All heavy atoms as atom14 arrays in JSON, in Angstrom:
{
  "sequence": "RLAGEKVGKLRVFLANKKTAPVWEENKGKDEKWRTGKIEIFQGAETT",
  "atom14_mask": [
    [1, 1, 1, 1, 1, 1, 1, 1, 1, 1, 1, 0, 0, 0],
    [1, 1, 1, 1, 1, 1, 1, 1, 0, 0, 0, 0, 0, 0],
    [1, 1, 1, 1, 1, 0, 0, 0, 0, 0, 0, 0, 0, 0],
    [1, 1, 1, 1, 0, 0, 0, 0, 0, 0, 0, 0, 0, 0],
    [1, 1, 1, 1, 1, 1, 1, 1, 1, 0, 0, 0, 0, 0],
    [1, 1, 1, 1, 1, 1, 1, 1, 1, 0, 0, 0, 0, 0],
    [1, 1, 1, 1, 1, 1, 1, 0, 0, 0, 0, 0, 0, 0],
    [1, 1, 1, 1, 0, 0, 0, 0, 0, 0, 0, 0, 0, 0],
    [1, 1, 1, 1, 1, 1, 1, 1, 1, 0, 0, 0, 0, 0],
    [1, 1, 1, 1, 1, 1, 1, 1, 0, 0, 0, 0, 0, 0],
    [1, 1, 1, 1, 1, 1, 1, 1, 1, 1, 1, 0, 0, 0],
    [1, 1, 1, 1, 1, 1, 1, 0, 0, 0, 0, 0, 0, 0],
    [1, 1, 1, 1, 1, 1, 1, 1, 1, 1, 1, 0, 0, 0],
    [1, 1, 1, 1, 1, 1, 1, 1, 0, 0, 0, 0, 0, 0],
    [1, 1, 1, 1, 1, 0, 0, 0, 0, 0, 0, 0, 0, 0],
    [1, 1, 1, 1, 1, 1, 1, 1, 0, 0, 0, 0, 0, 0],
    [1, 1, 1, 1, 1, 1, 1, 1, 1, 0, 0, 0, 0, 0],
    [1, 1, 1, 1, 1, 1, 1, 1, 1, 0, 0, 0, 0, 0],
    [1, 1, 1, 1, 1, 1, 1, 0, 0, 0, 0, 0, 0, 0],
    [1, 1, 1, 1, 1, 0, 0, 0, 0, 0, 0, 0, 0, 0],
    [1, 1, 1, 1, 1, 1, 1, 0, 0, 0, 0, 0, 0, 0],
    [1, 1, 1, 1, 1, 1, 1, 0, 0, 0, 0, 0, 0, 0],
    [1, 1, 1, 1, 1, 1, 1, 1, 1, 1, 1, 1, 1, 1],
    [1, 1, 1, 1, 1, 1, 1, 1, 1, 0, 0, 0, 0, 0],
    [1, 1, 1, 1, 1, 1, 1, 1, 1, 0, 0, 0, 0, 0],
    [1, 1, 1, 1, 1, 1, 1, 1, 0, 0, 0, 0, 0, 0],
    [1, 1, 1, 1, 1, 1, 1, 1, 1, 0, 0, 0, 0, 0],
    [1, 1, 1, 1, 0, 0, 0, 0, 0, 0, 0, 0, 0, 0],
    [1, 1, 1, 1, 1, 1, 1, 1, 1, 0, 0, 0, 0, 0],
    [1, 1, 1, 1, 1, 1, 1, 1, 0, 0, 0, 0, 0, 0],
    [1, 1, 1, 1, 1, 1, 1, 1, 1, 0, 0, 0, 0, 0],
    [1, 1, 1, 1, 1, 1, 1, 1, 1, 0, 0, 0, 0, 0],
    [1, 1, 1, 1, 1, 1, 1, 1, 1, 1, 1, 1, 1, 1],
    [1, 1, 1, 1, 1, 1, 1, 1, 1, 1, 1, 0, 0, 0],
    [1, 1, 1, 1, 1, 1, 1, 0, 0, 0, 0, 0, 0, 0],
    [1, 1, 1, 1, 0, 0, 0, 0, 0, 0, 0, 0, 0, 0],
    [1, 1, 1, 1, 1, 1, 1, 1, 1, 0, 0, 0, 0, 0],
    [1, 1, 1, 1, 1, 1, 1, 1, 0, 0, 0, 0, 0, 0],
    [1, 1, 1, 1, 1, 1, 1, 1, 1, 0, 0, 0, 0, 0],
    [1, 1, 1, 1, 1, 1, 1, 1, 0, 0, 0, 0, 0, 0],
    [1, 1, 1, 1, 1, 1, 1, 1, 1, 1, 1, 0, 0, 0],
    [1, 1, 1, 1, 1, 1, 1, 1, 1, 0, 0, 0, 0, 0],
    [1, 1, 1, 1, 0, 0, 0, 0, 0, 0, 0, 0, 0, 0],
    [1, 1, 1, 1, 1, 0, 0, 0, 0, 0, 0, 0, 0, 0],
    [1, 1, 1, 1, 1, 1, 1, 1, 1, 0, 0, 0, 0, 0],
    [1, 1, 1, 1, 1, 1, 1, 0, 0, 0, 0, 0, 0, 0],
    [1, 1, 1, 1, 1, 1, 1, 0, 0, 0, 0, 0, 0, 0]
  ],
  "atom14_positions": [
    [[246.0, -133.38, 89.58], [246.11, -132.71, 88.3], [247.43, -133.1, 87.67], [248.47, -133.07, 88.32], [246.05, -131.22, 88.54], [246.28, -130.39, 87.31], [245.88, -128.97, 87.58], [247.02, -128.22, 88.1], [247.13, -126.91, 87.98], [246.17, -126.2, 87.42], [248.17, -126.29, 88.46], [0.0, 0.0, 0.0], [0.0, 0.0, 0.0], [0.0, 0.0, 0.0]],
    [[247.38, -133.5, 86.41], [248.59, -133.71, 85.62], [248.52, -132.69, 84.5], [247.76, -132.86, 83.56], [248.66, -135.13, 85.05], [249.02, -136.2, 86.1], [247.76, -136.76, 86.72], [249.83, -137.32, 85.49], [0.0, 0.0, 0.0], [0.0, 0.0, 0.0], [0.0, 0.0, 0.0], [0.0, 0.0, 0.0], [0.0, 0.0, 0.0], [0.0, 0.0, 0.0]],
    [[249.27, -131.61, 84.64], [249.21, -130.51, 83.67], [250.5, -130.48, 82.88], [251.58, -130.55, 83.46], [249.0, -129.19, 84.39], [0.0, 0.0, 0.0], [0.0, 0.0, 0.0], [0.0, 0.0, 0.0], [0.0, 0.0, 0.0], [0.0, 0.0, 0.0], [0.0, 0.0, 0.0], [0.0, 0.0, 0.0], [0.0, 0.0, 0.0], [0.0, 0.0, 0.0]],
    [[250.39, -130.38, 81.57], [251.58, -130.32, 80.73], [251.78, -131.6, 79.96], [251.33, -132.67, 80.36], [0.0, 0.0, 0.0], [0.0, 0.0, 0.0], [0.0, 0.0, 0.0], [0.0, 0.0, 0.0], [0.0, 0.0, 0.0], [0.0, 0.0, 0.0], [0.0, 0.0, 0.0], [0.0, 0.0, 0.0], [0.0, 0.0, 0.0], [0.0, 0.0, 0.0]],
    [[252.45, -131.48, 78.83], [252.68, -132.64, 77.97], [253.79, -133.51, 78.53], [254.82, -133.0, 78.94], [253.05, -132.15, 76.57], [252.79, -133.21, 75.51], [253.0, -132.66, 74.11], [252.88, -131.43, 73.93], [253.32, -133.46, 73.22], [0.0, 0.0, 0.0], [0.0, 0.0, 0.0], [0.0, 0.0, 0.0], [0.0, 0.0, 0.0], [0.0, 0.0, 0.0]],
    [[253.57, -134.83, 78.54], [254.57, -135.79, 79.02], [255.12, -135.4, 80.39], [256.31, -135.47, 80.65], [255.72, -135.92, 78.01], [255.26, -136.42, 76.66], [256.44, -136.82, 75.78], [255.94, -137.48, 74.52], [256.33, -136.81, 73.3], [0.0, 0.0, 0.0], [0.0, 0.0, 0.0], [0.0, 0.0, 0.0], [0.0, 0.0, 0.0], [0.0, 0.0, 0.0]],
    [[254.2, -134.99, 81.28], [254.63, -134.5, 82.6], [255.11, -135.65, 83.49], [255.9, -135.45, 84.39], [253.51, -133.67, 83.26], [252.37, -134.55, 83.71], [254.05, -132.83, 84.4], [0.0, 0.0, 0.0], [0.0, 0.0, 0.0], [0.0, 0.0, 0.0], [0.0, 0.0, 0.0], [0.0, 0.0, 0.0], [0.0, 0.0, 0.0], [0.0, 0.0, 0.0]],
    [[254.62, -136.86, 83.26], [255.05, -137.99, 84.08], [253.87, -138.79, 84.58], [252.8, -138.79, 83.97], [0.0, 0.0, 0.0], [0.0, 0.0, 0.0], [0.0, 0.0, 0.0], [0.0, 0.0, 0.0], [0.0, 0.0, 0.0], [0.0, 0.0, 0.0], [0.0, 0.0, 0.0], [0.0, 0.0, 0.0], [0.0, 0.0, 0.0], [0.0, 0.0, 0.0]],
    [[254.07, -139.48, 85.7], [253.03, -140.35, 86.26], [252.79, -140.02, 87.71], [253.71, -139.63, 88.43], [253.49, -141.81, 86.19], [253.57, -142.36, 84.8], [253.9, -143.85, 84.82], [253.89, -144.36, 83.4], [254.96, -145.3, 83.15], [0.0, 0.0, 0.0], [0.0, 0.0, 0.0], [0.0, 0.0, 0.0], [0.0, 0.0, 0.0], [0.0, 0.0, 0.0]],
    [[251.54, -140.21, 88.12], [251.18, -140.12, 89.53], [250.66, -141.49, 89.93], [249.78, -142.04, 89.26], [250.1, -139.05, 89.73], [249.56, -138.92, 91.15], [250.65, -138.5, 92.13], [248.42, -137.9, 91.19], [0.0, 0.0, 0.0], [0.0, 0.0, 0.0], [0.0, 0.0, 0.0], [0.0, 0.0, 0.0], [0.0, 0.0, 0.0], [0.0, 0.0, 0.0]],
    [[251.23, -142.05, 90.99], [250.8, -143.36, 91.47], [250.48, -143.26, 92.95], [251.04, -142.43, 93.66], [251.91, -144.39, 91.32], [252.34, -144.66, 89.93], [253.34, -145.82, 89.9], [253.95, -145.92, 88.6], [255.12, -145.35, 88.27], [255.8, -144.66, 89.16], [255.59, -145.48, 87.06], [0.0, 0.0, 0.0], [0.0, 0.0, 0.0], [0.0, 0.0, 0.0]],
    [[249.6, -144.17, 93.4], [249.3, -144.25, 94.83], [249.55, -145.69, 95.27], [249.1, -146.64, 94.63], [247.84, -143.85, 95.12], [247.56, -143.92, 96.61], [247.56, -142.44, 94.59], [0.0, 0.0, 0.0], [0.0, 0.0, 0.0], [0.0, 0.0, 0.0], [0.0, 0.0, 0.0], [0.0, 0.0, 0.0], [0.0, 0.0, 0.0], [0.0, 0.0, 0.0]],
    [[250.29, -145.82, 96.37], [250.6, -147.13, 96.96], [250.03, -147.2, 98.36], [250.03, -146.21, 99.09], [252.12, -147.32, 97.08], [252.84, -147.43, 95.78], [253.27, -146.29, 95.11], [253.1, -148.67, 95.21], [253.95, -146.37, 93.9], [253.78, -148.75, 94.0], [254.2, -147.61, 93.35], [0.0, 0.0, 0.0], [0.0, 0.0, 0.0], [0.0, 0.0, 0.0]],
    [[249.57, -148.38, 98.75], [249.17, -148.63, 100.13], [250.31, -149.41, 100.79], [250.92, -150.27, 100.16], [247.88, -149.45, 100.2], [246.66, -148.78, 99.58], [245.45, -149.7, 99.69], [246.36, -147.45, 100.26], [0.0, 0.0, 0.0], [0.0, 0.0, 0.0], [0.0, 0.0, 0.0], [0.0, 0.0, 0.0], [0.0, 0.0, 0.0], [0.0, 0.0, 0.0]],
    [[250.56, -149.13, 102.07], [251.74, -149.68, 102.75], [251.77, -151.2, 102.74], [252.83, -151.8, 102.6], [251.8, -149.17, 104.18], [0.0, 0.0, 0.0], [0.0, 0.0, 0.0], [0.0, 0.0, 0.0], [0.0, 0.0, 0.0], [0.0, 0.0, 0.0], [0.0, 0.0, 0.0], [0.0, 0.0, 0.0], [0.0, 0.0, 0.0], [0.0, 0.0, 0.0]],
    [[250.62, -151.84, 102.87], [250.66, -153.29, 102.97], [250.66, -153.97, 101.59], [250.67, -155.18, 101.49], [249.51, -153.81, 103.84], [248.16, -153.33, 103.35], [248.09, -152.58, 102.39], [247.11, -153.76, 104.0], [0.0, 0.0, 0.0], [0.0, 0.0, 0.0], [0.0, 0.0, 0.0], [0.0, 0.0, 0.0], [0.0, 0.0, 0.0], [0.0, 0.0, 0.0]],
    [[250.61, -153.18, 100.52], [250.68, -153.74, 99.16], [251.75, -152.97, 98.4], [251.48, -152.28, 97.44], [249.34, -153.58, 98.44], [248.18, -154.23, 99.14], [246.91, -154.07, 98.31], [245.72, -154.77, 98.9], [245.4, -154.36, 100.27], [0.0, 0.0, 0.0], [0.0, 0.0, 0.0], [0.0, 0.0, 0.0], [0.0, 0.0, 0.0], [0.0, 0.0, 0.0]],
    [[252.98, -153.09, 98.89], [254.05, -152.22, 98.39], [254.38, -152.4, 96.92], [254.85, -151.5, 96.26], [255.33, -152.5, 99.18], [255.4, -151.69, 100.46], [256.82, -151.67, 100.97], [256.99, -150.76, 102.15], [256.07, -151.03, 103.25], [0.0, 0.0, 0.0], [0.0, 0.0, 0.0], [0.0, 0.0, 0.0], [0.0, 0.0, 0.0], [0.0, 0.0, 0.0]],
    [[254.16, -153.6, 96.4], [254.69, -153.91, 95.08], [254.0, -153.17, 93.95], [254.64, -152.55, 93.12], [254.61, -155.42, 94.82], [253.29, -155.85, 95.18], [255.61, -156.16, 95.68], [0.0, 0.0, 0.0], [0.0, 0.0, 0.0], [0.0, 0.0, 0.0], [0.0, 0.0, 0.0], [0.0, 0.0, 0.0], [0.0, 0.0, 0.0], [0.0, 0.0, 0.0]],
    [[252.68, -153.21, 93.92], [251.97, -152.61, 92.8], [251.16, -151.41, 93.27], [250.58, -151.43, 94.35], [251.04, -153.63, 92.16], [0.0, 0.0, 0.0], [0.0, 0.0, 0.0], [0.0, 0.0, 0.0], [0.0, 0.0, 0.0], [0.0, 0.0, 0.0], [0.0, 0.0, 0.0], [0.0, 0.0, 0.0], [0.0, 0.0, 0.0], [0.0, 0.0, 0.0]],
    [[251.1, -150.36, 92.44], [250.26, -149.22, 92.82], [248.78, -149.62, 92.8], [248.38, -150.44, 91.99], [250.56, -148.18, 91.75], [251.17, -148.9, 90.61], [251.77, -150.16, 91.15], [0.0, 0.0, 0.0], [0.0, 0.0, 0.0], [0.0, 0.0, 0.0], [0.0, 0.0, 0.0], [0.0, 0.0, 0.0], [0.0, 0.0, 0.0], [0.0, 0.0, 0.0]],
    [[247.99, -149.02, 93.69], [246.55, -149.27, 93.7], [245.83, -148.29, 92.78], [244.66, -148.44, 92.49], [245.96, -149.18, 95.12], [246.45, -150.33, 95.98], [246.27, -147.85, 95.77], [0.0, 0.0, 0.0], [0.0, 0.0, 0.0], [0.0, 0.0, 0.0], [0.0, 0.0, 0.0], [0.0, 0.0, 0.0], [0.0, 0.0, 0.0], [0.0, 0.0, 0.0]],
    [[246.57, -147.28, 92.31], [245.99, -146.24, 91.44], [247.14, -145.63, 90.65], [248.22, -145.44, 91.17], [245.31, -145.2, 92.31], [244.55, -144.14, 91.6], [243.21, -144.15, 91.3], [245.06, -142.9, 91.09], [242.88, -142.98, 90.65], [244.0, -142.21, 90.51], [246.32, -142.31, 91.07], [244.13, -140.96, 89.91], [246.47, -141.07, 90.48], [245.38, -140.41, 89.91]],
    [[246.88, -145.33, 89.36], [247.93, -144.71, 88.54], [247.3, -143.89, 87.44], [246.3, -144.27, 86.85], [248.82, -145.8, 87.93], [249.94, -145.25, 87.09], [250.94, -146.33, 86.64], [250.92, -147.43, 87.21], [251.71, -146.05, 85.73], [0.0, 0.0, 0.0], [0.0, 0.0, 0.0], [0.0, 0.0, 0.0], [0.0, 0.0, 0.0], [0.0, 0.0, 0.0]],
    [[247.9, -142.73, 87.15], [247.44, -141.87, 86.06], [248.67, -141.3, 85.39], [249.62, -140.91, 86.05], [246.58, -140.75, 86.64], [245.84, -139.92, 85.62], [244.8, -140.7, 84.84], [243.83, -141.18, 85.45], [244.98, -140.83, 83.62], [0.0, 0.0, 0.0], [0.0, 0.0, 0.0], [0.0, 0.0, 0.0], [0.0, 0.0, 0.0], [0.0, 0.0, 0.0]],
    [[248.69, -141.28, 84.04], [249.91, -140.79, 83.4], [249.71, -139.68, 82.39], [250.67, -139.25, 81.79], [250.68, -141.94, 82.75], [249.89, -142.59, 81.66], [248.8, -142.12, 81.32], [250.39, -143.65, 81.1], [0.0, 0.0, 0.0], [0.0, 0.0, 0.0], [0.0, 0.0, 0.0], [0.0, 0.0, 0.0], [0.0, 0.0, 0.0], [0.0, 0.0, 0.0]],
    [[248.47, -139.22, 82.24], [248.37, -138.01, 81.43], [247.08, -137.27, 81.75], [246.08, -137.88, 82.09], [248.45, -138.3, 79.94], [247.4, -139.24, 79.4], [247.62, -139.4, 77.88], [246.75, -140.44, 77.27], [247.08, -141.82, 77.59], [0.0, 0.0, 0.0], [0.0, 0.0, 0.0], [0.0, 0.0, 0.0], [0.0, 0.0, 0.0], [0.0, 0.0, 0.0]],
    [[247.16, -135.96, 81.65], [245.97, -135.16, 81.85], [245.42, -134.81, 80.48], [246.18, -134.51, 79.57], [0.0, 0.0, 0.0], [0.0, 0.0, 0.0], [0.0, 0.0, 0.0], [0.0, 0.0, 0.0], [0.0, 0.0, 0.0], [0.0, 0.0, 0.0], [0.0, 0.0, 0.0], [0.0, 0.0, 0.0], [0.0, 0.0, 0.0], [0.0, 0.0, 0.0]],
    [[244.1, -134.85, 80.34], [243.5, -134.44, 79.07], [243.58, -132.92, 78.93], [243.55, -132.37, 77.86], [242.05, -134.9, 79.01], [241.9, -136.41, 79.01], [240.48, -136.79, 79.43], [240.41, -138.13, 80.13], [241.43, -138.31, 81.2], [0.0, 0.0, 0.0], [0.0, 0.0, 0.0], [0.0, 0.0, 0.0], [0.0, 0.0, 0.0], [0.0, 0.0, 0.0]],
    [[243.66, -132.26, 80.08], [243.74, -130.8, 80.11], [244.36, -130.45, 81.46], [244.88, -131.3, 82.14], [242.33, -130.2, 79.95], [241.35, -130.85, 80.9], [241.73, -131.1, 82.07], [240.2, -131.09, 80.51], [0.0, 0.0, 0.0], [0.0, 0.0, 0.0], [0.0, 0.0, 0.0], [0.0, 0.0, 0.0], [0.0, 0.0, 0.0], [0.0, 0.0, 0.0]],
    [[244.27, -129.19, 81.86], [244.91, -128.8, 83.11], [243.94, -128.83, 84.29], [244.25, -128.35, 85.37], [245.51, -127.4, 82.96], [246.32, -127.27, 81.7], [247.7, -126.64, 81.95], [247.78, -125.77, 82.81], [248.66, -127.05, 81.28], [0.0, 0.0, 0.0], [0.0, 0.0, 0.0], [0.0, 0.0, 0.0], [0.0, 0.0, 0.0], [0.0, 0.0, 0.0]],
    [[242.75, -129.39, 84.09], [241.72, -129.4, 85.14], [242.07, -130.36, 86.27], [242.74, -131.36, 86.07], [240.38, -129.83, 84.54], [239.72, -128.79, 83.68], [238.24, -129.16, 83.51], [237.51, -128.14, 82.68], [237.55, -128.43, 81.25], [0.0, 0.0, 0.0], [0.0, 0.0, 0.0], [0.0, 0.0, 0.0], [0.0, 0.0, 0.0], [0.0, 0.0, 0.0]],
    [[241.54, -130.04, 87.44], [241.64, -130.94, 88.59], [240.6, -132.05, 88.42], [239.49, -131.8, 87.96], [241.38, -130.17, 89.88], [242.53, -129.31, 90.25], [242.74, -128.01, 89.88], [243.65, -129.68, 91.06], [243.92, -127.55, 90.42], [244.5, -128.55, 91.14], [244.02, -130.85, 91.73], [245.69, -128.57, 91.87], [245.21, -130.86, 92.45], [246.03, -129.74, 92.52]],
    [[240.96, -133.25, 88.78], [240.06, -134.4, 88.74], [240.03, -135.03, 90.13], [240.86, -134.72, 90.97], [240.55, -135.43, 87.73], [240.77, -134.87, 86.33], [240.16, -135.79, 85.3], [240.24, -135.37, 83.93], [239.81, -134.24, 83.4], [239.3, -133.31, 84.14], [239.9, -133.99, 82.12], [0.0, 0.0, 0.0], [0.0, 0.0, 0.0], [0.0, 0.0, 0.0]],
    [[239.09, -135.96, 90.32], [238.97, -136.63, 91.61], [239.39, -138.09, 91.48], [238.94, -138.78, 90.57], [237.52, -136.55, 92.11], [237.16, -135.18, 92.22], [237.37, -137.22, 93.46], [0.0, 0.0, 0.0], [0.0, 0.0, 0.0], [0.0, 0.0, 0.0], [0.0, 0.0, 0.0], [0.0, 0.0, 0.0], [0.0, 0.0, 0.0], [0.0, 0.0, 0.0]],
    [[240.24, -138.51, 92.39], [240.62, -139.92, 92.46], [240.0, -140.54, 93.7], [239.82, -139.86, 94.71], [0.0, 0.0, 0.0], [0.0, 0.0, 0.0], [0.0, 0.0, 0.0], [0.0, 0.0, 0.0], [0.0, 0.0, 0.0], [0.0, 0.0, 0.0], [0.0, 0.0, 0.0], [0.0, 0.0, 0.0], [0.0, 0.0, 0.0], [0.0, 0.0, 0.0]],
    [[239.65, -141.83, 93.6], [239.07, -142.54, 94.75], [239.74, -143.9, 94.86], [239.93, -144.58, 93.86], [237.58, -142.78, 94.55], [236.74, -141.55, 94.56], [235.29, -141.94, 94.37], [234.43, -140.72, 94.11], [233.08, -141.1, 93.72], [0.0, 0.0, 0.0], [0.0, 0.0, 0.0], [0.0, 0.0, 0.0], [0.0, 0.0, 0.0], [0.0, 0.0, 0.0]],
    [[240.07, -144.27, 96.08], [240.69, -145.58, 96.31], [240.01, -146.24, 97.49], [239.87, -145.65, 98.56], [242.19, -145.41, 96.63], [242.91, -144.79, 95.44], [242.82, -146.76, 96.99], [244.29, -144.31, 95.75], [0.0, 0.0, 0.0], [0.0, 0.0, 0.0], [0.0, 0.0, 0.0], [0.0, 0.0, 0.0], [0.0, 0.0, 0.0], [0.0, 0.0, 0.0]],
    [[239.57, -147.48, 97.28], [238.98, -148.26, 98.37], [240.13, -148.85, 99.19], [241.07, -149.42, 98.63], [238.17, -149.45, 97.82], [237.0, -149.05, 96.94], [235.71, -148.86, 97.71], [235.69, -149.12, 98.93], [234.73, -148.45, 97.09], [0.0, 0.0, 0.0], [0.0, 0.0, 0.0], [0.0, 0.0, 0.0], [0.0, 0.0, 0.0], [0.0, 0.0, 0.0]],
    [[240.06, -148.68, 100.49], [241.04, -149.3, 101.38], [240.29, -150.26, 102.27], [239.46, -149.83, 103.09], [241.76, -148.25, 102.25], [242.46, -147.22, 101.37], [242.74, -148.93, 103.21], [243.12, -146.09, 102.15], [0.0, 0.0, 0.0], [0.0, 0.0, 0.0], [0.0, 0.0, 0.0], [0.0, 0.0, 0.0], [0.0, 0.0, 0.0], [0.0, 0.0, 0.0]],
    [[240.52, -151.55, 102.09], [239.88, -152.51, 102.98], [240.9, -153.0, 103.99], [241.97, -153.48, 103.62], [239.28, -153.71, 102.23], [238.63, -154.68, 103.18], [237.42, -154.37, 103.79], [239.25, -155.88, 103.5], [236.84, -155.23, 104.69], [238.66, -156.75, 104.41], [237.45, -156.43, 105.0], [0.0, 0.0, 0.0], [0.0, 0.0, 0.0], [0.0, 0.0, 0.0]],
    [[240.59, -152.82, 105.26], [241.49, -153.27, 106.31], [241.2, -154.72, 106.6], [240.12, -155.05, 107.05], [241.26, -152.45, 107.58], [241.44, -150.97, 107.38], [242.9, -150.6, 107.22], [243.6, -151.06, 106.35], [243.36, -149.75, 108.08], [0.0, 0.0, 0.0], [0.0, 0.0, 0.0], [0.0, 0.0, 0.0], [0.0, 0.0, 0.0], [0.0, 0.0, 0.0]],
    [[242.18, -155.57, 106.35], [242.03, -156.96, 106.76], [242.5, -157.06, 108.2], [242.38, -156.14, 108.97], [0.0, 0.0, 0.0], [0.0, 0.0, 0.0], [0.0, 0.0, 0.0], [0.0, 0.0, 0.0], [0.0, 0.0, 0.0], [0.0, 0.0, 0.0], [0.0, 0.0, 0.0], [0.0, 0.0, 0.0], [0.0, 0.0, 0.0], [0.0, 0.0, 0.0]],
    [[243.09, -158.2, 108.55], [243.64, -158.36, 109.89], [244.8, -157.39, 110.08], [245.0, -156.82, 111.13], [244.11, -159.8, 110.09], [0.0, 0.0, 0.0], [0.0, 0.0, 0.0], [0.0, 0.0, 0.0], [0.0, 0.0, 0.0], [0.0, 0.0, 0.0], [0.0, 0.0, 0.0], [0.0, 0.0, 0.0], [0.0, 0.0, 0.0], [0.0, 0.0, 0.0]],
    [[245.57, -157.2, 108.99], [246.69, -156.25, 109.1], [246.23, -154.93, 108.49], [245.66, -154.9, 107.42], [247.92, -156.85, 108.43], [248.38, -156.22, 107.15], [249.54, -156.99, 106.53], [249.53, -158.23, 106.53], [250.44, -156.33, 106.01], [0.0, 0.0, 0.0], [0.0, 0.0, 0.0], [0.0, 0.0, 0.0], [0.0, 0.0, 0.0], [0.0, 0.0, 0.0]],
    [[246.42, -153.85, 109.21], [245.89, -152.57, 108.76], [246.9, -151.79, 107.94], [248.1, -151.93, 108.12], [245.45, -151.71, 109.96], [246.57, -151.5, 110.81], [244.33, -152.36, 110.74], [0.0, 0.0, 0.0], [0.0, 0.0, 0.0], [0.0, 0.0, 0.0], [0.0, 0.0, 0.0], [0.0, 0.0, 0.0], [0.0, 0.0, 0.0], [0.0, 0.0, 0.0]],
    [[246.38, -150.98, 107.05], [247.21, -150.1, 106.24], [247.65, -148.95, 107.13], [246.82, -148.28, 107.72], [246.36, -149.53, 105.09], [245.86, -150.61, 104.32], [247.17, -148.61, 104.2], [0.0, 0.0, 0.0], [0.0, 0.0, 0.0], [0.0, 0.0, 0.0], [0.0, 0.0, 0.0], [0.0, 0.0, 0.0], [0.0, 0.0, 0.0], [0.0, 0.0, 0.0]]
  ]
}
């Protein structure tokens, strides 16, 4: 949930891909809870 005006950003990072977030949201349309989903594929090196 991102509640409030200009509240900021929420990002999700995976350990083996440190540089760029795999998910990001920067504003809520309202104060409701939403669901985020992220696919994690384990290659030879695991997250």
